[in-house]
Protein backbone atom coordinates (compact mmCIF):
# COMPACT_ATOMS: atom_id res chain seq x y z
CA MET A 1 0.00 0.00 0.00
CA PHE A 2 2.75 2.41 1.01
CA VAL A 3 4.78 1.45 -2.09
CA PHE A 4 1.79 2.18 -4.34
CA LEU A 5 1.21 5.62 -2.75
CA PHE A 6 4.92 6.48 -3.03
CA LYS A 7 5.06 5.57 -6.75
CA HIS A 8 1.83 7.50 -7.41
CA ALA A 9 3.29 10.61 -5.71
CA GLN A 10 6.48 10.29 -7.81
CA THR A 11 4.46 10.03 -11.01
CA GLN A 12 2.45 13.16 -10.18
CA GLU A 13 5.61 15.11 -9.29
CA SER A 14 7.39 14.18 -12.52
CA SER A 15 4.30 15.00 -14.64
CA SER A 16 3.93 18.38 -12.95
CA LEU A 17 7.60 19.15 -13.68
CA GLU A 18 7.13 18.25 -17.34
CA GLU A 19 4.14 20.57 -17.60
CA THR A 20 6.00 23.54 -16.11
CA ASP A 21 9.12 23.23 -18.29
CA PRO A 22 9.11 26.01 -20.91
CA PRO A 23 9.16 24.85 -24.53
CA ALA A 24 12.48 25.11 -26.32
CA ALA A 25 12.91 28.34 -28.26
CA LYS A 26 12.52 27.83 -32.00
CA ASP A 27 15.24 29.22 -34.24
CA VAL A 28 14.24 31.87 -36.77
CA GLU A 29 13.91 30.40 -40.26
CA ASN A 30 12.17 33.13 -42.30
CA GLY A 31 11.89 36.89 -42.43
CA VAL A 32 9.96 39.53 -44.35
CA TYR A 33 10.76 43.24 -44.35
CA LEU A 34 10.13 46.53 -46.09
CA GLU A 35 13.39 48.19 -47.11
CA LEU A 36 13.44 51.95 -47.67
CA GLY A 37 16.38 53.15 -49.74
CA GLY A 38 18.84 50.28 -49.91
CA ASN A 39 19.55 47.91 -52.76
CA ALA A 40 16.52 48.83 -54.91
CA GLY A 41 17.12 52.59 -54.63
CA ILE A 42 13.75 53.79 -53.30
CA TYR A 43 12.04 50.81 -51.68
CA SER A 44 11.61 47.04 -51.89
CA VAL A 45 9.59 44.29 -50.22
CA ASN A 46 11.85 41.38 -49.28
CA TYR A 47 11.80 37.76 -48.12
CA GLU A 48 14.76 36.00 -46.53
CA ARG A 49 15.40 32.37 -45.61
CA TYR A 50 18.05 31.21 -43.14
CA PHE A 51 20.22 28.32 -44.28
CA LEU A 52 22.99 28.56 -41.65
CA LYS A 53 22.23 29.18 -37.98
CA ASN A 54 25.57 29.01 -36.16
CA THR A 55 27.66 31.76 -34.54
CA ILE A 56 27.44 33.58 -37.85
CA LYS A 57 23.95 33.26 -39.34
CA LEU A 58 23.47 33.36 -43.11
CA ALA A 59 20.24 34.17 -44.92
CA GLY A 60 19.41 34.37 -48.60
CA ARG A 61 17.22 37.33 -49.55
CA ILE A 62 15.15 38.32 -52.58
CA GLY A 63 12.90 41.33 -53.10
CA ILE A 64 10.79 43.21 -55.61
CA SER A 65 10.16 46.87 -56.34
CA LEU A 66 7.90 48.53 -58.92
CA ILE A 67 8.48 52.22 -59.59
CA SER A 68 6.71 54.64 -61.91
CA GLU A 69 8.95 57.23 -63.57
CA GLY A 70 6.39 59.85 -62.51
CA LEU A 71 7.49 59.38 -58.90
CA ILE A 72 10.94 60.71 -59.78
CA ILE A 73 10.44 63.26 -62.57
CA ASP A 74 7.51 64.85 -64.40
CA ALA A 75 7.78 62.69 -67.49
CA GLU A 76 6.30 63.79 -70.83
CA VAL A 77 5.96 60.20 -72.06
CA ASN A 78 4.73 57.33 -69.91
CA LYS A 79 7.46 54.69 -70.03
CA GLY A 80 5.57 52.27 -67.82
CA LEU A 81 6.74 50.70 -64.59
CA GLU A 82 10.36 50.05 -63.79
CA PHE A 83 11.07 46.68 -62.14
CA LEU A 84 13.88 46.03 -59.67
CA MET A 85 14.76 42.75 -57.98
CA PRO A 86 17.46 42.82 -55.29
CA PHE A 87 18.89 39.44 -54.23
CA GLY A 88 21.87 38.20 -52.26
CA VAL A 89 23.13 36.80 -48.95
CA ASN A 90 23.16 38.53 -45.55
CA GLY A 91 25.45 37.46 -42.71
CA LEU A 92 24.61 38.23 -39.05
CA TYR A 93 26.95 38.21 -36.07
CA ALA A 94 25.45 38.72 -32.60
CA ILE A 95 27.26 41.38 -30.53
CA VAL A 96 25.09 40.96 -27.45
CA GLY A 97 21.51 39.74 -27.10
CA SER A 98 19.38 40.86 -30.03
CA HIS A 99 21.97 43.32 -31.41
CA HIS A 100 23.81 42.20 -34.56
CA ILE A 101 26.38 43.38 -37.05
CA GLU A 102 25.13 42.65 -40.57
CA ALA A 103 27.06 42.39 -43.82
CA GLY A 104 25.71 41.35 -47.18
CA VAL A 105 26.65 40.91 -50.83
CA GLY A 106 24.40 40.56 -53.83
CA ALA A 107 23.07 42.33 -56.89
CA THR A 108 19.99 44.13 -58.17
CA PHE A 109 18.37 43.30 -61.49
CA TYR A 110 16.93 46.47 -63.04
CA THR A 111 14.79 46.63 -66.17
CA HIS A 112 13.47 49.91 -67.60
CA LYS A 113 12.82 51.77 -70.85
CA VAL A 114 15.17 54.37 -72.31
CA TYR A 115 15.23 56.47 -75.47
CA ALA A 116 17.69 55.12 -78.02
CA ILE A 117 18.43 55.38 -81.73
CA GLU A 118 18.77 51.95 -83.24
CA THR A 119 20.79 51.82 -86.44
CA HIS A 120 21.10 48.92 -88.84
CA ALA A 121 21.73 48.37 -92.54
CA SER A 122 18.13 49.07 -93.59
CA ASN A 123 17.87 52.54 -92.01
CA LEU A 124 21.33 54.06 -92.53
CA ASN A 125 20.04 56.23 -95.39
CA LEU A 126 16.93 57.35 -93.49
CA GLN A 127 18.54 60.26 -91.65
CA PRO A 128 17.75 61.83 -89.28
CA LEU A 129 16.49 58.93 -87.20
CA GLU A 130 14.08 59.44 -84.34
CA ALA A 131 14.72 58.00 -80.93
CA SER A 132 12.37 55.31 -79.73
CA LEU A 133 11.74 53.60 -76.42
CA VAL A 134 13.70 50.38 -75.94
CA ARG A 135 13.95 48.16 -72.89
CA LYS A 136 17.27 48.07 -71.09
CA ASN A 137 18.30 45.43 -68.54
CA GLU A 138 21.03 46.06 -66.00
CA LEU A 139 22.64 44.19 -63.12
CA TRP A 140 24.14 46.18 -60.25
CA PRO A 141 26.49 44.30 -57.89
CA ASN A 142 26.15 45.69 -54.37
CA PHE A 143 27.10 45.26 -50.72
CA THR A 144 25.67 46.29 -47.33
CA LEU A 145 27.16 46.89 -43.91
CA GLY A 146 25.10 47.88 -40.90
CA TYR A 147 23.21 47.09 -37.71
CA ARG A 148 20.24 44.75 -37.15
CA ARG A 149 18.06 44.28 -34.08
CA GLN A 150 16.49 40.83 -34.10
CA LYS A 151 15.63 38.43 -31.28
CA SER A 152 16.82 34.84 -31.57
CA ASP A 153 13.26 33.52 -31.37
CA GLY A 154 11.85 35.98 -33.94
CA GLY A 155 9.60 39.00 -33.75
CA PHE A 156 10.07 42.48 -35.15
CA VAL A 157 13.28 43.24 -37.06
CA TYR A 158 14.96 46.64 -37.49
CA ARG A 159 17.87 47.31 -39.85
CA VAL A 160 19.98 50.41 -40.54
CA PHE A 161 22.80 50.10 -43.04
CA PHE A 162 25.16 51.66 -45.56
CA ASN A 163 25.28 50.13 -49.02
CA GLY A 164 26.96 50.74 -52.33
CA HIS A 165 26.19 49.85 -55.96
CA LEU A 166 28.77 49.13 -58.62
CA SER A 167 27.69 50.41 -62.02
CA ARG A 168 29.39 50.98 -65.38
CA ARG A 169 28.89 54.43 -66.91
CA VAL A 170 29.51 55.22 -70.56
CA LEU A 171 31.36 58.50 -71.09
CA ALA A 172 32.56 60.41 -74.14
CA ASP A 173 35.70 62.51 -74.65
CA ASN A 174 33.47 65.46 -75.54
CA PRO A 175 29.79 65.93 -76.50
CA ASN A 176 30.59 65.81 -80.26
CA SER A 177 32.90 62.82 -80.08
CA HIS A 178 32.04 59.38 -81.42
CA SER A 179 34.65 57.74 -79.22
CA GLN A 180 33.18 56.55 -75.94
CA TYR A 181 34.58 54.71 -72.96
CA SER A 182 33.11 53.33 -69.77
CA VAL A 183 34.19 53.50 -66.15
CA LEU A 184 33.19 51.43 -63.13
CA THR A 185 31.77 53.64 -60.38
CA LEU A 186 30.70 53.05 -56.77
CA ASP A 187 27.46 54.81 -55.87
CA PRO A 188 27.11 55.16 -52.07
CA TRP A 189 23.65 54.86 -50.56
CA ALA A 190 21.91 53.87 -47.31
CA GLY A 191 18.76 52.16 -46.13
CA PHE A 192 16.39 51.35 -43.29
CA SER A 193 14.19 48.28 -42.85
CA ILE A 194 11.37 47.14 -40.61
CA GLY A 195 9.99 43.63 -40.75
CA TYR A 196 9.18 40.43 -38.93
CA ALA A 197 11.17 37.20 -38.39
CA PHE A 198 9.54 33.85 -37.69
């Protein structure tokens, strides 16, 4: 009888301990955030997925941005929407608690319409030629370096960072010259993000 009561008391004690133990914190696997400025220039909506969760965490990111030229200048001709897609990898290193240093590398795909004069064998004698709208695709390599506040178990995310784009610009010796050359330039920029990790 006493043995039965003792075992019953032990069972109740162990079950009550199991019920009070807090569940293990789940590592962050995904994140979404709105980026102002940054890799898409004006804004972008982004998704990231963590694929390494050690001392240094790594996350792949991809975003989209649609911009009307009318937001930037008062255009005479509607060129349609410009599409930007930033993508890359962000690395996070925890300084203390939810405070992180963040560094990232990637690129931004940019497609838009520009005025251009297309010449070919059939129109060489049809001078002067009028400029027409043609689609131009570009790829800007970029990097970021900044600060991120993010808890290990998820929640709201805040980012502030400096970033730079590498772009190739075509230049001419003088306005009337037919000889052109291009230079690689670094365009400095910055950004701020707010989002949610889960």
